[in-house]
Amino acid sequence: MTKLAGKTALITGSSRGIGAAIAVQLAREGADIYLAANDTEDRFEQVVKSCAAANPSAKVKHGVFDFLRDGEPERMVEAALQACGRVDILVNNAGIRINHPYGEYSGKDFDQVVAVNLKAPFLASQAVIPGMKAAGGGRIINIASQIGIVTAQDIALYGLTKAAIIHLTKSMAFELAPHNIAVNAVSPGPTMTEYNVEKTTRNPAHMASRLSYLRTGRYQRPEEIAEVVAFLATTSVTSIQGHNLVVDGGYVTH
């Protein structure tokens, strides 16, 4: 039996990488899927096909949204509701990085990273709450990062937004648990997304340096993060609230 049969999951940033892996895994668990990203039709079609391969009965819709535009998170939720009729699971995965040494960021850099990494999940979560309350509950899963817990060179702005997401997760859980809405976060460590594959190809020394901190001796696969998200989406243990589940090969243990 599929645990999420009859449920709909809205996943942001789901045209590639971790978001795409999450979409496929939740489809495999029986959910209908709404893919949201600022990307091309070709990218979406690849994920749609992967979701169909995982579960031929899953209904998969998609839409293009630019979180740098005002009102876009709310428009996304409304589009998902129109297309699917409900949103039972929201995965706030979309994120961007702008890397500079601290002291060299512009106000525009700050506004862009905060808009996508923090403002969008904040507003999208608010937008799904009425429907979840009416349905008797739901799940919100925020994709944070190990960089919200520890730091690294040239990544202060990204880390700031991810630390804020971890705090937001706790605040949301505190207020929404009485409505049977479970809110938790997942903090991936180094993961073999296209971004990291390209980065490590250009700079093998960077990968070697990061690997030295990973007790597993390897980067995570996007599918591993997706399995953790699926656990939070499917578990019957509703007392898991406000937790930040770190999936980083032991990086933050030392």
C-alpha atoms as a PDB file:
ATOM      1  CA  MET A   1       0.000   0.000   0.000  1.00  0.00           C
ATOM      2  CA  THR A   2       1.142   3.538  -0.720  1.00  0.00           C
ATOM      3  CA  LYS A   3       1.142   5.726   2.363  1.00  0.00           C
ATOM      4  CA  LEU A   4       0.285   8.987   0.604  1.00  0.00           C
ATOM      5  CA  ALA A   5      -2.564   7.807  -1.612  1.00  0.00           C
ATOM      6  CA  GLY A   6      -5.116  10.596  -1.965  1.00  0.00           C
ATOM      7  CA  LYS A   7      -2.622  13.256  -0.857  1.00  0.00           C
ATOM      8  CA  THR A   8      -1.030  16.039  -2.898  1.00  0.00           C
ATOM      9  CA  ALA A   9       2.522  17.305  -2.388  1.00  0.00           C
ATOM     10  CA  LEU A  10       3.706  20.718  -3.563  1.00  0.00           C
ATOM     11  CA  ILE A  11       7.489  20.819  -3.920  1.00  0.00           C
ATOM     12  CA  THR A  12       9.350  24.021  -4.741  1.00  0.00           C
ATOM     13  CA  GLY A  13      12.586  23.990  -6.695  1.00  0.00           C
ATOM     14  CA  SER A  14      11.568  20.567  -7.993  1.00  0.00           C
ATOM     15  CA  SER A  15      12.759  20.653 -11.598  1.00  0.00           C
ATOM     16  CA  ARG A  16      16.172  19.250 -10.706  1.00  0.00           C
ATOM     17  CA  GLY A  17      18.463  18.082  -7.905  1.00  0.00           C
ATOM     18  CA  ILE A  18      17.131  17.422  -4.435  1.00  0.00           C
ATOM     19  CA  GLY A  19      13.689  18.818  -5.270  1.00  0.00           C
ATOM     20  CA  ALA A  20      13.262  16.479  -8.229  1.00  0.00           C
ATOM     21  CA  ALA A  21      14.368  13.505  -6.130  1.00  0.00           C
ATOM     22  CA  ILE A  22      11.825  14.455  -3.460  1.00  0.00           C
ATOM     23  CA  ALA A  23       9.059  14.659  -6.065  1.00  0.00           C
ATOM     24  CA  VAL A  24       9.880  11.184  -7.378  1.00  0.00           C
ATOM     25  CA  GLN A  25      10.048   9.694  -3.884  1.00  0.00           C
ATOM     26  CA  LEU A  26       6.723  11.196  -2.797  1.00  0.00           C
ATOM     27  CA  ALA A  27       5.122  10.007  -6.036  1.00  0.00           C
ATOM     28  CA  ARG A  28       6.464   6.539  -5.242  1.00  0.00           C
ATOM     29  CA  GLU A  29       4.725   6.821  -1.853  1.00  0.00           C
ATOM     30  CA  GLY A  30       1.442   7.453  -3.663  1.00  0.00           C
ATOM     31  CA  ALA A  31       1.095  11.238  -3.644  1.00  0.00           C
ATOM     32  CA  ASP A  32      -0.043  13.379  -6.530  1.00  0.00           C
ATOM     33  CA  ILE A  33       2.631  15.970  -7.250  1.00  0.00           C
ATOM     34  CA  TYR A  34       2.723  19.669  -8.078  1.00  0.00           C
ATOM     35  CA  LEU A  35       6.159  20.701  -9.313  1.00  0.00           C
ATOM     36  CA  ALA A  36       7.095  24.366  -8.884  1.00  0.00           C
ATOM     37  CA  ALA A  37      10.298  25.978 -10.131  1.00  0.00           C
ATOM     38  CA  ASN A  38      11.660  28.829 -12.195  1.00  0.00           C
ATOM     39  CA  ASP A  39      12.789  26.584 -15.033  1.00  0.00           C
ATOM     40  CA  THR A  40      12.087  25.282 -18.532  1.00  0.00           C
ATOM     41  CA  GLU A  41       9.388  22.929 -19.801  1.00  0.00           C
ATOM     42  CA  ASP A  42      12.071  20.416 -20.786  1.00  0.00           C
ATOM     43  CA  ARG A  43      13.303  20.230 -17.211  1.00  0.00           C
ATOM     44  CA  PHE A  44       9.797  19.729 -15.888  1.00  0.00           C
ATOM     45  CA  GLU A  45       9.051  17.011 -18.432  1.00  0.00           C
ATOM     46  CA  GLN A  46      12.064  15.018 -17.285  1.00  0.00           C
ATOM     47  CA  VAL A  47      10.781  15.040 -13.698  1.00  0.00           C
ATOM     48  CA  VAL A  48       7.213  14.272 -14.786  1.00  0.00           C
ATOM     49  CA  LYS A  49       8.497  11.171 -16.587  1.00  0.00           C
ATOM     50  CA  SER A  50      10.516  10.099 -13.539  1.00  0.00           C
ATOM     51  CA  CYS A  51       7.481  10.496 -11.277  1.00  0.00           C
ATOM     52  CA  ALA A  52       5.362   8.466 -13.713  1.00  0.00           C
ATOM     53  CA  ALA A  53       7.994   5.726 -13.763  1.00  0.00           C
ATOM     54  CA  ALA A  54       7.945   5.635  -9.955  1.00  0.00           C
ATOM     55  CA  ASN A  55       4.133   5.529  -9.821  1.00  0.00           C
ATOM     56  CA  PRO A  56       2.137   5.407 -13.062  1.00  0.00           C
ATOM     57  CA  SER A  57      -1.066   6.359 -11.230  1.00  0.00           C
ATOM     58  CA  ALA A  58       0.360   9.593  -9.794  1.00  0.00           C
ATOM     59  CA  LYS A  59      -1.027  12.810 -11.226  1.00  0.00           C
ATOM     60  CA  VAL A  60       1.790  15.289 -11.824  1.00  0.00           C
ATOM     61  CA  LYS A  61       1.228  18.978 -12.599  1.00  0.00           C
ATOM     62  CA  HIS A  62       3.743  21.789 -12.791  1.00  0.00           C
ATOM     63  CA  GLY A  63       4.095  25.557 -12.941  1.00  0.00           C
ATOM     64  CA  VAL A  64       6.787  28.192 -13.404  1.00  0.00           C
ATOM     65  CA  PHE A  65       7.214  30.701 -10.579  1.00  0.00           C
ATOM     66  CA  ASP A  66       9.817  33.387  -9.912  1.00  0.00           C
ATOM     67  CA  PHE A  67      10.132  34.039  -6.183  1.00  0.00           C
ATOM     68  CA  LEU A  68      11.857  37.346  -6.860  1.00  0.00           C
ATOM     69  CA  ARG A  69       8.426  38.681  -7.846  1.00  0.00           C
ATOM     70  CA  ASP A  70       6.022  39.945  -5.194  1.00  0.00           C
ATOM     71  CA  GLY A  71       3.051  37.684  -4.554  1.00  0.00           C
ATOM     72  CA  GLU A  72       4.572  34.708  -6.357  1.00  0.00           C
ATOM     73  CA  PRO A  73       4.515  32.238  -3.415  1.00  0.00           C
ATOM     74  CA  GLU A  74       0.817  32.850  -2.884  1.00  0.00           C
ATOM     75  CA  ARG A  75       0.145  32.585  -6.633  1.00  0.00           C
ATOM     76  CA  MET A  76       1.976  29.253  -6.645  1.00  0.00           C
ATOM     77  CA  VAL A  77      -0.172  27.827  -3.858  1.00  0.00           C
ATOM     78  CA  GLU A  78      -3.340  29.018  -5.571  1.00  0.00           C
ATOM     79  CA  ALA A  79      -2.208  27.397  -8.839  1.00  0.00           C
ATOM     80  CA  ALA A  80      -1.506  24.117  -7.046  1.00  0.00           C
ATOM     81  CA  LEU A  81      -4.929  24.195  -5.402  1.00  0.00           C
ATOM     82  CA  GLN A  82      -6.588  24.910  -8.736  1.00  0.00           C
ATOM     83  CA  ALA A  83      -4.702  22.088 -10.462  1.00  0.00           C
ATOM     84  CA  CYS A  84      -4.870  19.449  -7.729  1.00  0.00           C
ATOM     85  CA  GLY A  85      -7.703  20.481  -5.441  1.00  0.00           C
ATOM     86  CA  ARG A  86      -5.641  20.286  -2.259  1.00  0.00           C
ATOM     87  CA  VAL A  87      -2.140  20.593  -0.787  1.00  0.00           C
ATOM     88  CA  ASP A  88      -1.463  18.137   2.030  1.00  0.00           C
ATOM     89  CA  ILE A  89       2.323  18.352   1.974  1.00  0.00           C
ATOM     90  CA  LEU A  90       4.420  21.417   1.263  1.00  0.00           C
ATOM     91  CA  VAL A  91       8.155  20.972   0.744  1.00  0.00           C
ATOM     92  CA  ASN A  92       9.963  24.320   0.732  1.00  0.00           C
ATOM     93  CA  ASN A  93      13.064  23.299  -1.170  1.00  0.00           C
ATOM     94  CA  ALA A  94      13.836  26.155  -3.603  1.00  0.00           C
ATOM     95  CA  GLY A  95      17.002  28.048  -2.825  1.00  0.00           C
ATOM     96  CA  ILE A  96      19.775  30.130  -4.357  1.00  0.00           C
ATOM     97  CA  ARG A  97      23.333  30.972  -3.391  1.00  0.00           C
ATOM     98  CA  ILE A  98      25.338  34.092  -4.020  1.00  0.00           C
ATOM     99  CA  ASN A  99      28.838  33.525  -2.680  1.00  0.00           C
ATOM    100  CA  HIS A 100      31.153  36.393  -1.767  1.00  0.00           C
ATOM    101  CA  PRO A 101      33.619  37.147   1.003  1.00  0.00           C
ATOM    102  CA  TYR A 102      31.785  38.948   3.792  1.00  0.00           C
ATOM    103  CA  GLY A 103      32.051  42.667   3.108  1.00  0.00           C
ATOM    104  CA  GLU A 104      31.487  42.313  -0.635  1.00  0.00           C
ATOM    105  CA  TYR A 105      27.740  41.600  -0.751  1.00  0.00           C
ATOM    106  CA  SER A 106      25.409  44.178  -2.252  1.00  0.00           C
ATOM    107  CA  GLY A 107      21.946  45.104  -1.088  1.00  0.00           C
ATOM    108  CA  LYS A 108      20.607  43.431  -4.231  1.00  0.00           C
ATOM    109  CA  ASP A 109      22.398  40.199  -3.312  1.00  0.00           C
ATOM    110  CA  PHE A 110      20.805  40.310   0.134  1.00  0.00           C
ATOM    111  CA  ASP A 111      17.316  40.956  -1.217  1.00  0.00           C
ATOM    112  CA  GLN A 112      17.524  38.151  -3.803  1.00  0.00           C
ATOM    113  CA  VAL A 113      18.780  35.437  -1.466  1.00  0.00           C
ATOM    114  CA  VAL A 114      16.345  36.385   1.298  1.00  0.00           C
ATOM    115  CA  ALA A 115      13.445  36.527  -1.188  1.00  0.00           C
ATOM    116  CA  VAL A 116      13.989  32.975  -2.446  1.00  0.00           C
ATOM    117  CA  ASN A 117      15.416  31.216   0.601  1.00  0.00           C
ATOM    118  CA  LEU A 118      13.340  32.791   3.377  1.00  0.00           C
ATOM    119  CA  LYS A 119      10.495  35.020   2.238  1.00  0.00           C
ATOM    120  CA  ALA A 120       9.099  32.478  -0.249  1.00  0.00           C
ATOM    121  CA  PRO A 121       8.840  29.572   2.207  1.00  0.00           C
ATOM    122  CA  PHE A 122       7.479  31.903   4.877  1.00  0.00           C
ATOM    123  CA  LEU A 123       4.663  33.119   2.609  1.00  0.00           C
ATOM    124  CA  ALA A 124       4.003  29.790   0.862  1.00  0.00           C
ATOM    125  CA  SER A 125       3.593  28.117   4.241  1.00  0.00           C
ATOM    126  CA  GLN A 126       1.127  30.762   5.355  1.00  0.00           C
ATOM    127  CA  ALA A 127      -0.828  30.244   2.121  1.00  0.00           C
ATOM    128  CA  VAL A 128      -1.284  26.483   2.585  1.00  0.00           C
ATOM    129  CA  ILE A 129      -2.355  26.680   6.228  1.00  0.00           C
ATOM    130  CA  PRO A 130      -6.087  27.399   5.692  1.00  0.00           C
ATOM    131  CA  GLY A 131      -6.475  24.365   3.451  1.00  0.00           C
ATOM    132  CA  MET A 132      -4.524  22.129   5.800  1.00  0.00           C
ATOM    133  CA  LYS A 133      -6.592  23.236   8.768  1.00  0.00           C
ATOM    134  CA  ALA A 134      -9.806  22.574   6.833  1.00  0.00           C
ATOM    135  CA  ALA A 135      -8.541  19.105   5.885  1.00  0.00           C
ATOM    136  CA  GLY A 136      -7.664  18.256   9.490  1.00  0.00           C
ATOM    137  CA  GLY A 137      -3.900  18.523   9.183  1.00  0.00           C
ATOM    138  CA  GLY A 138      -0.883  18.465   6.919  1.00  0.00           C
ATOM    139  CA  ARG A 139       2.894  18.398   6.688  1.00  0.00           C
ATOM    140  CA  ILE A 140       5.317  21.232   5.975  1.00  0.00           C
ATOM    141  CA  ILE A 141       8.950  20.287   5.423  1.00  0.00           C
ATOM    142  CA  ASN A 142      11.578  22.996   5.051  1.00  0.00           C
ATOM    143  CA  ILE A 143      14.863  22.184   3.346  1.00  0.00           C
ATOM    144  CA  ALA A 144      17.501  24.027   5.352  1.00  0.00           C
ATOM    145  CA  SER A 145      21.232  23.222   5.263  1.00  0.00           C
ATOM    146  CA  GLN A 146      24.148  22.220   7.435  1.00  0.00           C
ATOM    147  CA  ILE A 147      25.380  25.754   6.647  1.00  0.00           C
ATOM    148  CA  GLY A 148      22.534  26.969   8.851  1.00  0.00           C
ATOM    149  CA  ILE A 149      24.388  25.303  11.746  1.00  0.00           C
ATOM    150  CA  VAL A 150      28.077  25.670  10.877  1.00  0.00           C
ATOM    151  CA  THR A 151      29.772  28.063   8.501  1.00  0.00           C
ATOM    152  CA  ALA A 152      32.269  28.150   5.654  1.00  0.00           C
ATOM    153  CA  GLN A 153      34.108  30.668   3.520  1.00  0.00           C
ATOM    154  CA  ASP A 154      32.113  33.047   1.296  1.00  0.00           C
ATOM    155  CA  ILE A 155      28.702  31.756   2.357  1.00  0.00           C
ATOM    156  CA  ALA A 156      27.520  34.049   5.155  1.00  0.00           C
ATOM    157  CA  LEU A 157      24.383  35.214   3.336  1.00  0.00           C
ATOM    158  CA  TYR A 158      23.225  31.731   2.355  1.00  0.00           C
ATOM    159  CA  GLY A 159      23.917  30.468   5.880  1.00  0.00           C
ATOM    160  CA  LEU A 160      21.967  33.356   7.392  1.00  0.00           C
ATOM    161  CA  THR A 161      18.825  32.385   5.469  1.00  0.00           C
ATOM    162  CA  LYS A 162      19.177  28.703   6.318  1.00  0.00           C
ATOM    163  CA  ALA A 163      19.675  29.424  10.014  1.00  0.00           C
ATOM    164  CA  ALA A 164      16.532  31.541   9.847  1.00  0.00           C
ATOM    165  CA  ILE A 165      14.633  28.646   8.200  1.00  0.00           C
ATOM    166  CA  ILE A 166      15.623  26.361  11.075  1.00  0.00           C
ATOM    167  CA  HIS A 167      14.262  28.886  13.571  1.00  0.00           C
ATOM    168  CA  LEU A 168      11.142  29.448  11.474  1.00  0.00           C
ATOM    169  CA  THR A 169      10.530  25.691  11.474  1.00  0.00           C
ATOM    170  CA  LYS A 170      10.464  25.681  15.267  1.00  0.00           C
ATOM    171  CA  SER A 171       8.158  28.681  15.442  1.00  0.00           C
ATOM    172  CA  MET A 172       5.765  27.232  12.887  1.00  0.00           C
ATOM    173  CA  ALA A 173       5.675  23.873  14.646  1.00  0.00           C
ATOM    174  CA  PHE A 174       4.958  25.513  17.993  1.00  0.00           C
ATOM    175  CA  GLU A 175       1.951  27.345  16.595  1.00  0.00           C
ATOM    176  CA  LEU A 176       0.625  24.751  14.132  1.00  0.00           C
ATOM    177  CA  ALA A 177       0.953  21.474  16.052  1.00  0.00           C
ATOM    178  CA  PRO A 178      -2.452  21.981  17.739  1.00  0.00           C
ATOM    179  CA  HIS A 179      -3.975  21.942  14.234  1.00  0.00           C
ATOM    180  CA  ASN A 180      -2.333  18.583  13.387  1.00  0.00           C
ATOM    181  CA  ILE A 181       0.110  20.296  11.025  1.00  0.00           C
ATOM    182  CA  ALA A 182       3.577  18.824  11.503  1.00  0.00           C
ATOM    183  CA  VAL A 183       6.443  21.160  10.591  1.00  0.00           C
ATOM    184  CA  ASN A 184      10.020  19.930  10.402  1.00  0.00           C
ATOM    185  CA  ALA A 185      13.252  20.721   8.565  1.00  0.00           C
ATOM    186  CA  VAL A 186      15.902  18.675   6.802  1.00  0.00           C
ATOM    187  CA  SER A 187      19.452  20.011   6.622  1.00  0.00           C
ATOM    188  CA  PRO A 188      21.461  18.338   3.847  1.00  0.00           C
ATOM    189  CA  GLY A 189      25.205  18.390   3.825  1.00  0.00           C
ATOM    190  CA  PRO A 190      27.299  18.172   0.642  1.00  0.00           C
ATOM    191  CA  THR A 191      25.074  16.501  -1.937  1.00  0.00           C
ATOM    192  CA  MET A 192      25.804  15.519  -5.528  1.00  0.00           C
ATOM    193  CA  THR A 193      23.470  17.969  -7.188  1.00  0.00           C
ATOM    194  CA  GLU A 194      24.328  19.492 -10.563  1.00  0.00           C
ATOM    195  CA  TYR A 195      25.649  22.561  -8.742  1.00  0.00           C
ATOM    196  CA  ASN A 196      28.095  20.533  -6.662  1.00  0.00           C
ATOM    197  CA  VAL A 197      29.061  18.181  -9.493  1.00  0.00           C
ATOM    198  CA  GLU A 198      30.000  21.173 -11.635  1.00  0.00           C
ATOM    199  CA  LYS A 199      31.769  22.906  -8.760  1.00  0.00           C
ATOM    200  CA  THR A 200      33.856  19.896  -7.799  1.00  0.00           C
ATOM    201  CA  THR A 201      34.730  19.193 -11.431  1.00  0.00           C
ATOM    202  CA  ARG A 202      36.170  22.698 -11.666  1.00  0.00           C
ATOM    203  CA  ASN A 203      37.877  22.483  -8.290  1.00  0.00           C
ATOM    204  CA  PRO A 204      38.751  18.922  -7.172  1.00  0.00           C
ATOM    205  CA  ALA A 205      40.716  20.313  -4.230  1.00  0.00           C
ATOM    206  CA  HIS A 206      37.511  21.842  -2.859  1.00  0.00           C
ATOM    207  CA  MET A 207      35.778  18.463  -2.936  1.00  0.00           C
ATOM    208  CA  ALA A 208      38.743  16.772  -1.283  1.00  0.00           C
ATOM    209  CA  SER A 209      38.702  19.376   1.485  1.00  0.00           C
ATOM    210  CA  ARG A 210      34.990  18.889   2.175  1.00  0.00           C
ATOM    211  CA  LEU A 211      35.285  15.108   2.016  1.00  0.00           C
ATOM    212  CA  SER A 212      37.791  15.265   4.859  1.00  0.00           C
ATOM    213  CA  TYR A 213      34.934  16.388   7.140  1.00  0.00           C
ATOM    214  CA  LEU A 214      32.510  13.655   6.051  1.00  0.00           C
ATOM    215  CA  ARG A 215      32.777  10.572   8.231  1.00  0.00           C
ATOM    216  CA  THR A 216      31.037   8.544   5.519  1.00  0.00           C
ATOM    217  CA  GLY A 217      33.764   9.541   3.068  1.00  0.00           C
ATOM    218  CA  ARG A 218      31.376  10.628   0.333  1.00  0.00           C
ATOM    219  CA  TYR A 219      28.836  13.239  -0.699  1.00  0.00           C
ATOM    220  CA  GLN A 220      25.162  12.378  -0.216  1.00  0.00           C
ATOM    221  CA  ARG A 221      22.939  11.458  -3.142  1.00  0.00           C
ATOM    222  CA  PRO A 222      19.772  13.552  -3.701  1.00  0.00           C
ATOM    223  CA  GLU A 223      17.751  10.357  -3.305  1.00  0.00           C
ATOM    224  CA  GLU A 224      19.001   9.982   0.268  1.00  0.00           C
ATOM    225  CA  ILE A 225      17.660  13.416   1.184  1.00  0.00           C
ATOM    226  CA  ALA A 226      14.398  12.496  -0.531  1.00  0.00           C
ATOM    227  CA  GLU A 227      14.028   9.380   1.599  1.00  0.00           C
ATOM    228  CA  VAL A 228      14.347  11.468   4.753  1.00  0.00           C
ATOM    229  CA  VAL A 229      11.716  13.912   3.500  1.00  0.00           C
ATOM    230  CA  ALA A 230       9.444  10.972   2.676  1.00  0.00           C
ATOM    231  CA  PHE A 231       9.822   9.702   6.234  1.00  0.00           C
ATOM    232  CA  LEU A 232       8.682  13.045   7.627  1.00  0.00           C
ATOM    233  CA  ALA A 233       5.816  13.149   5.133  1.00  0.00           C
ATOM    234  CA  THR A 234       4.574   9.637   5.853  1.00  0.00           C
ATOM    235  CA  THR A 235       5.303   8.859   9.475  1.00  0.00           C
ATOM    236  CA  SER A 236       2.318   8.446  11.769  1.00  0.00           C
ATOM    237  CA  VAL A 237       4.334   9.886  14.666  1.00  0.00           C
ATOM    238  CA  THR A 238       2.790  13.358  14.692  1.00  0.00           C
ATOM    239  CA  SER A 239       4.721  14.341  17.817  1.00  0.00           C
ATOM    240  CA  ILE A 240       7.823  14.904  15.647  1.00  0.00           C
ATOM    241  CA  GLN A 241       7.555  18.688  15.609  1.00  0.00           C
ATOM    242  CA  GLY A 242      10.061  21.461  14.999  1.00  0.00           C
ATOM    243  CA  HIS A 243      12.914  19.054  14.435  1.00  0.00           C
ATOM    244  CA  ASN A 244      15.877  19.781  12.160  1.00  0.00           C
ATOM    245  CA  LEU A 245      17.083  16.458  10.801  1.00  0.00           C
ATOM    246  CA  VAL A 246      20.704  16.801   9.660  1.00  0.00           C
ATOM    247  CA  VAL A 247      21.726  14.532   6.786  1.00  0.00           C
ATOM    248  CA  ASP A 248      25.376  15.343   6.218  1.00  0.00           C
ATOM    249  CA  GLY A 249      27.566  12.287   6.678  1.00  0.00           C
ATOM    250  CA  GLY A 250      28.651  13.449  10.113  1.00  0.00           C
ATOM    251  CA  TYR A 251      29.957  16.856   8.980  1.00  0.00           C
ATOM    252  CA  VAL A 252      28.548  18.842  11.914  1.00  0.00           C
ATOM    253  CA  THR A 253      29.633  16.338  14.561  1.00  0.00           C
ATOM    254  CA  HIS A 254      33.076  17.924  14.820  1.00  0.00           C
END
